[in-house]
């Protein structure tokens, strides 16, 4: 009976040691997964910062284009008024054609400006969407891997418990 107790204590110690080893392995893998998750989040932050910088740059370009557009528009309007003053009633036909031409140029410039802004906004939204989707996928993958490891460790722990119990029962 003393031998049985000694053997049971040895099995319990072995089981406890195995559990402790599994626990340490789990904690190491969990720490590793958390590290990877932190790195992934850092990548997301960097990508967001880069996207923000790109957006800022695009906004600055847009502002510069808007300013240039306003200068061009002001120039064309000023030129149109000057020409209007110079033209007399006898060249009214020519004056009408020139006004139409300037208005057409201004309309094209306004349309082009709006198209550029729309394109830049769409491109930014697509990039941000892609970044978010990519990072969400990576996080989901890490979570799935983590859950699989936890289940594996739980399964191994249960198997060790069953084996220890089986050995204890077979010795009884």
C-alpha atoms as a PDB file:
ATOM      1  CA  UNK A   1       0.000   0.000   0.000  1.00  0.00           C
ATOM      2  CA  UNK A   2       2.898   2.340   0.758  1.00  0.00           C
ATOM      3  CA  UNK A   3       4.343   1.529  -2.655  1.00  0.00           C
ATOM      4  CA  UNK A   4       1.003   2.378  -4.271  1.00  0.00           C
ATOM      5  CA  UNK A   5       0.917   5.715  -2.493  1.00  0.00           C
ATOM      6  CA  UNK A   6       4.470   6.464  -3.506  1.00  0.00           C
ATOM      7  CA  UNK A   7       3.640   5.597  -7.084  1.00  0.00           C
ATOM      8  CA  UNK A   8       0.465   7.736  -6.958  1.00  0.00           C
ATOM      9  CA  UNK A   9       2.444  10.657  -5.563  1.00  0.00           C
ATOM     10  CA  UNK A  10       5.057  10.203  -8.302  1.00  0.00           C
ATOM     11  CA  UNK A  11       2.315  10.161 -10.981  1.00  0.00           C
ATOM     12  CA  UNK A  12       0.725  13.254  -9.458  1.00  0.00           C
ATOM     13  CA  UNK A  13       4.123  14.993  -9.414  1.00  0.00           C
ATOM     14  CA  UNK A  14       4.728  13.958 -13.044  1.00  0.00           C
ATOM     15  CA  UNK A  15       1.267  15.194 -13.988  1.00  0.00           C
ATOM     16  CA  UNK A  16       1.822  18.454 -12.134  1.00  0.00           C
ATOM     17  CA  UNK A  17       5.186  18.888 -13.857  1.00  0.00           C
ATOM     18  CA  UNK A  18       3.590  18.181 -17.255  1.00  0.00           C
ATOM     19  CA  UNK A  19       0.821  20.657 -16.486  1.00  0.00           C
ATOM     20  CA  UNK A  20       3.372  23.239 -15.444  1.00  0.00           C
ATOM     21  CA  UNK A  21       5.366  22.649 -18.637  1.00  0.00           C
ATOM     22  CA  UNK A  22       2.211  22.952 -20.723  1.00  0.00           C
ATOM     23  CA  UNK A  23       1.259  26.099 -18.841  1.00  0.00           C
ATOM     24  CA  UNK A  24       4.691  27.631 -19.441  1.00  0.00           C
ATOM     25  CA  UNK A  25       4.553  26.667 -23.141  1.00  0.00           C
ATOM     26  CA  UNK A  26       1.095  28.171 -23.388  1.00  0.00           C
ATOM     27  CA  UNK A  27       2.196  31.373 -21.658  1.00  0.00           C
ATOM     28  CA  UNK A  28       5.217  31.650 -23.969  1.00  0.00           C
ATOM     29  CA  UNK A  29       3.077  31.130 -27.050  1.00  0.00           C
ATOM     30  CA  UNK A  30       0.474  33.566 -25.727  1.00  0.00           C
ATOM     31  CA  UNK A  31       3.177  36.153 -25.105  1.00  0.00           C
ATOM     32  CA  UNK A  32       4.516  35.527 -28.615  1.00  0.00           C
ATOM     33  CA  UNK A  33       1.012  35.916 -30.092  1.00  0.00           C
ATOM     34  CA  UNK A  34       0.490  39.116 -28.132  1.00  0.00           C
ATOM     35  CA  UNK A  35       3.827  40.373 -29.405  1.00  0.00           C
ATOM     36  CA  UNK A  36       2.835  39.603 -32.975  1.00  0.00           C
ATOM     37  CA  UNK A  37      -0.521  41.258 -32.402  1.00  0.00           C
ATOM     38  CA  UNK A  38       1.228  44.347 -31.011  1.00  0.00           C
ATOM     39  CA  UNK A  39       3.513  44.404 -34.059  1.00  0.00           C
ATOM     40  CA  UNK A  40       0.497  44.101 -36.350  1.00  0.00           C
ATOM     41  CA  UNK A  41      -1.191  46.975 -34.536  1.00  0.00           C
ATOM     42  CA  UNK A  42       2.006  49.002 -34.870  1.00  0.00           C
ATOM     43  CA  UNK A  43       1.998  48.290 -38.604  1.00  0.00           C
ATOM     44  CA  UNK A  44      -1.624  49.452 -38.754  1.00  0.00           C
ATOM     45  CA  UNK A  45      -0.707  52.626 -36.879  1.00  0.00           C
ATOM     46  CA  UNK A  46       2.188  53.261 -39.258  1.00  0.00           C
ATOM     47  CA  UNK A  47      -0.034  52.617 -42.273  1.00  0.00           C
ATOM     48  CA  UNK A  48      -2.668  54.952 -40.847  1.00  0.00           C
ATOM     49  CA  UNK A  49       0.012  57.593 -40.271  1.00  0.00           C
ATOM     50  CA  UNK A  50       1.273  57.105 -43.828  1.00  0.00           C
ATOM     51  CA  UNK A  51      -2.260  57.289 -45.174  1.00  0.00           C
ATOM     52  CA  UNK A  52      -2.820  60.443 -43.119  1.00  0.00           C
ATOM     53  CA  UNK A  53       0.363  61.962 -44.474  1.00  0.00           C
ATOM     54  CA  UNK A  54      -0.662  61.000 -48.008  1.00  0.00           C
ATOM     55  CA  UNK A  55      -4.102  62.503 -47.428  1.00  0.00           C
ATOM     56  CA  UNK A  56      -2.503  65.671 -46.078  1.00  0.00           C
ATOM     57  CA  UNK A  57      -0.276  65.804 -49.143  1.00  0.00           C
ATOM     58  CA  UNK A  58      -3.287  65.262 -51.397  1.00  0.00           C
ATOM     59  CA  UNK A  59      -5.179  67.996 -49.535  1.00  0.00           C
ATOM     60  CA  UNK A  60      -2.226  70.348 -50.018  1.00  0.00           C
ATOM     61  CA  UNK A  61      -2.126  69.483 -53.719  1.00  0.00           C
ATOM     62  CA  UNK A  62      -5.846  70.058 -53.957  1.00  0.00           C
ATOM     63  CA  UNK A  63      -5.500  73.422 -52.204  1.00  0.00           C
ATOM     64  CA  UNK A  64      -2.677  74.402 -54.540  1.00  0.00           C
ATOM     65  CA  UNK A  65      -4.781  73.348 -57.524  1.00  0.00           C
ATOM     66  CA  UNK A  66      -7.747  75.289 -56.152  1.00  0.00           C
ATOM     67  CA  UNK A  67      -5.567  78.367 -55.650  1.00  0.00           C
ATOM     68  CA  UNK A  68      -4.169  78.021 -59.167  1.00  0.00           C
ATOM     69  CA  UNK A  69      -7.685  77.532 -60.465  1.00  0.00           C
ATOM     70  CA  UNK A  70      -8.811  80.695 -58.701  1.00  0.00           C
ATOM     71  CA  UNK A  71      -5.834  82.599 -60.114  1.00  0.00           C
ATOM     72  CA  UNK A  72      -6.540  81.259 -63.583  1.00  0.00           C
ATOM     73  CA  UNK A  73     -10.222  82.029 -63.217  1.00  0.00           C
ATOM     74  CA  UNK A  74      -9.478  85.531 -61.909  1.00  0.00           C
ATOM     75  CA  UNK A  75      -7.022  86.077 -64.718  1.00  0.00           C
ATOM     76  CA  UNK A  76      -9.498  84.913 -67.337  1.00  0.00           C
ATOM     77  CA  UNK A  77     -12.296  86.996 -65.830  1.00  0.00           C
ATOM     78  CA  UNK A  78     -10.040  90.043 -65.664  1.00  0.00           C
ATOM     79  CA  UNK A  79      -8.913  89.523 -69.222  1.00  0.00           C
ATOM     80  CA  UNK A  80     -12.514  89.060 -70.303  1.00  0.00           C
ATOM     81  CA  UNK A  81     -13.536  92.361 -68.697  1.00  0.00           C
ATOM     82  CA  UNK A  82     -10.592  94.199 -70.238  1.00  0.00           C
ATOM     83  CA  UNK A  83     -11.423  92.820 -73.650  1.00  0.00           C
ATOM     84  CA  UNK A  84     -15.042  93.779 -73.136  1.00  0.00           C
ATOM     85  CA  UNK A  85     -14.099  97.375 -72.507  1.00  0.00           C
ATOM     86  CA  UNK A  86     -11.939  97.476 -75.647  1.00  0.00           C
ATOM     87  CA  UNK A  87     -14.550  95.971 -77.900  1.00  0.00           C
ATOM     88  CA  UNK A  88     -16.980  98.371 -79.317  1.00  0.00           C
ATOM     89  CA  UNK A  89     -20.519  97.778 -80.369  1.00  0.00           C
ATOM     90  CA  UNK A  90     -19.388  97.158 -83.944  1.00  0.00           C
ATOM     91  CA  UNK A  91     -17.615  93.900 -82.920  1.00  0.00           C
ATOM     92  CA  UNK A  92     -20.439  92.462 -80.842  1.00  0.00           C
ATOM     93  CA  UNK A  93     -20.327  89.138 -82.697  1.00  0.00           C
ATOM     94  CA  UNK A  94     -16.652  88.704 -81.906  1.00  0.00           C
ATOM     95  CA  UNK A  95     -17.313  89.665 -78.295  1.00  0.00           C
ATOM     96  CA  UNK A  96     -20.038  87.027 -77.970  1.00  0.00           C
ATOM     97  CA  UNK A  97     -17.752  84.310 -79.312  1.00  0.00           C
ATOM     98  CA  UNK A  98     -14.957  85.282 -76.950  1.00  0.00           C
ATOM     99  CA  UNK A  99     -17.284  85.182 -73.907  1.00  0.00           C
ATOM    100  CA  UNK A 100     -18.487  81.735 -74.929  1.00  0.00           C
ATOM    101  CA  UNK A 101     -14.895  80.534 -75.292  1.00  0.00           C
ATOM    102  CA  UNK A 102     -13.889  81.805 -71.828  1.00  0.00           C
ATOM    103  CA  UNK A 103     -16.951  80.339 -70.183  1.00  0.00           C
ATOM    104  CA  UNK A 104     -16.216  77.020 -71.856  1.00  0.00           C
ATOM    105  CA  UNK A 105     -12.615  77.053 -70.594  1.00  0.00           C
ATOM    106  CA  UNK A 106     -13.766  77.908 -67.091  1.00  0.00           C
ATOM    107  CA  UNK A 107     -16.380  75.138 -67.207  1.00  0.00           C
ATOM    108  CA  UNK A 108     -13.781  72.607 -68.347  1.00  0.00           C
ATOM    109  CA  UNK A 109     -11.402  73.734 -65.610  1.00  0.00           C
ATOM    110  CA  UNK A 110     -14.153  73.453 -62.979  1.00  0.00           C
ATOM    111  CA  UNK A 111     -15.115  69.995 -64.216  1.00  0.00           C
ATOM    112  CA  UNK A 112     -11.482  68.861 -64.271  1.00  0.00           C
ATOM    113  CA  UNK A 113     -10.983  70.212 -60.755  1.00  0.00           C
ATOM    114  CA  UNK A 114     -14.055  68.379 -59.476  1.00  0.00           C
ATOM    115  CA  UNK A 115     -12.958  65.173 -61.230  1.00  0.00           C
ATOM    116  CA  UNK A 116      -9.501  65.351 -59.633  1.00  0.00           C
ATOM    117  CA  UNK A 117     -10.998  65.896 -56.177  1.00  0.00           C
ATOM    118  CA  UNK A 118     -13.439  63.003 -56.623  1.00  0.00           C
ATOM    119  CA  UNK A 119     -10.666  60.736 -57.864  1.00  0.00           C
ATOM    120  CA  UNK A 120      -8.399  61.618 -54.936  1.00  0.00           C
ATOM    121  CA  UNK A 121     -11.184  61.029 -52.420  1.00  0.00           C
ATOM    122  CA  UNK A 122     -12.122  57.710 -53.996  1.00  0.00           C
ATOM    123  CA  UNK A 123      -8.494  56.574 -54.071  1.00  0.00           C
ATOM    124  CA  UNK A 124      -8.057  57.489 -50.396  1.00  0.00           C
ATOM    125  CA  UNK A 125     -11.228  55.637 -49.389  1.00  0.00           C
ATOM    126  CA  UNK A 126     -10.136  52.541 -51.322  1.00  0.00           C
ATOM    127  CA  UNK A 127      -6.689  52.565 -49.764  1.00  0.00           C
ATOM    128  CA  UNK A 128      -8.076  53.001 -46.254  1.00  0.00           C
ATOM    129  CA  UNK A 129     -10.607  50.239 -46.854  1.00  0.00           C
ATOM    130  CA  UNK A 130      -7.878  47.911 -48.128  1.00  0.00           C
ATOM    131  CA  UNK A 131      -5.642  48.677 -45.140  1.00  0.00           C
ATOM    132  CA  UNK A 132      -8.466  48.052 -42.675  1.00  0.00           C
ATOM    133  CA  UNK A 133      -9.515  44.825 -44.409  1.00  0.00           C
ATOM    134  CA  UNK A 134      -5.939  43.573 -44.517  1.00  0.00           C
ATOM    135  CA  UNK A 135      -5.335  44.293 -40.844  1.00  0.00           C
ATOM    136  CA  UNK A 136      -8.683  42.804 -39.815  1.00  0.00           C
ATOM    137  CA  UNK A 137      -7.761  39.653 -41.731  1.00  0.00           C
ATOM    138  CA  UNK A 138      -4.379  39.455 -40.032  1.00  0.00           C
ATOM    139  CA  UNK A 139      -5.948  39.956 -36.592  1.00  0.00           C
ATOM    140  CA  UNK A 140      -8.591  37.318 -37.291  1.00  0.00           C
ATOM    141  CA  UNK A 141      -5.869  34.899 -38.397  1.00  0.00           C
ATOM    142  CA  UNK A 142      -3.873  35.524 -35.231  1.00  0.00           C
ATOM    143  CA  UNK A 143      -7.003  35.030 -33.133  1.00  0.00           C
ATOM    144  CA  UNK A 144      -7.801  31.758 -34.919  1.00  0.00           C
ATOM    145  CA  UNK A 145      -4.246  30.511 -34.423  1.00  0.00           C
ATOM    146  CA  UNK A 146      -4.384  31.483 -30.767  1.00  0.00           C
ATOM    147  CA  UNK A 147      -7.682  29.672 -30.235  1.00  0.00           C
ATOM    148  CA  UNK A 148      -6.374  26.568 -31.990  1.00  0.00           C
ATOM    149  CA  UNK A 149      -3.302  26.542 -29.765  1.00  0.00           C
ATOM    150  CA  UNK A 150      -5.424  26.950 -26.641  1.00  0.00           C
ATOM    151  CA  UNK A 151      -7.685  24.070 -27.721  1.00  0.00           C
ATOM    152  CA  UNK A 152      -4.648  21.931 -28.482  1.00  0.00           C
ATOM    153  CA  UNK A 153      -3.158  22.645 -25.082  1.00  0.00           C
ATOM    154  CA  UNK A 154      -6.478  21.893 -23.384  1.00  0.00           C
ATOM    155  CA  UNK A 155      -6.774  18.648 -25.322  1.00  0.00           C
ATOM    156  CA  UNK A 156      -3.249  17.606 -24.331  1.00  0.00           C
ATOM    157  CA  UNK A 157      -3.961  18.506 -20.718  1.00  0.00           C
ATOM    158  CA  UNK A 158      -7.151  16.435 -20.741  1.00  0.00           C
ATOM    159  CA  UNK A 159      -5.305  13.513 -22.350  1.00  0.00           C
ATOM    160  CA  UNK A 160      -2.580  13.655 -19.694  1.00  0.00           C
ATOM    161  CA  UNK A 161      -5.235  13.734 -16.962  1.00  0.00           C
ATOM    162  CA  UNK A 162      -6.988  10.720 -18.480  1.00  0.00           C
ATOM    163  CA  UNK A 163      -3.725   8.807 -18.827  1.00  0.00           C
ATOM    164  CA  UNK A 164      -2.770   9.604 -15.244  1.00  0.00           C
ATOM    165  CA  UNK A 165      -6.210   8.608 -13.987  1.00  0.00           C
ATOM    166  CA  UNK A 166      -6.100   5.435 -16.089  1.00  0.00           C
ATOM    167  CA  UNK A 167      -2.678   4.513 -14.707  1.00  0.00           C
ATOM    168  CA  UNK A 168      -3.879   5.199 -11.160  1.00  0.00           C
ATOM    169  CA  UNK A 169      -6.973   3.095 -11.653  1.00  0.00           C
ATOM    170  CA  UNK A 170      -5.033   0.250 -13.284  1.00  0.00           C
ATOM    171  CA  UNK A 171      -2.643   0.136 -10.361  1.00  0.00           C
ATOM    172  CA  UNK A 172      -5.487   0.024  -7.845  1.00  0.00           C
END
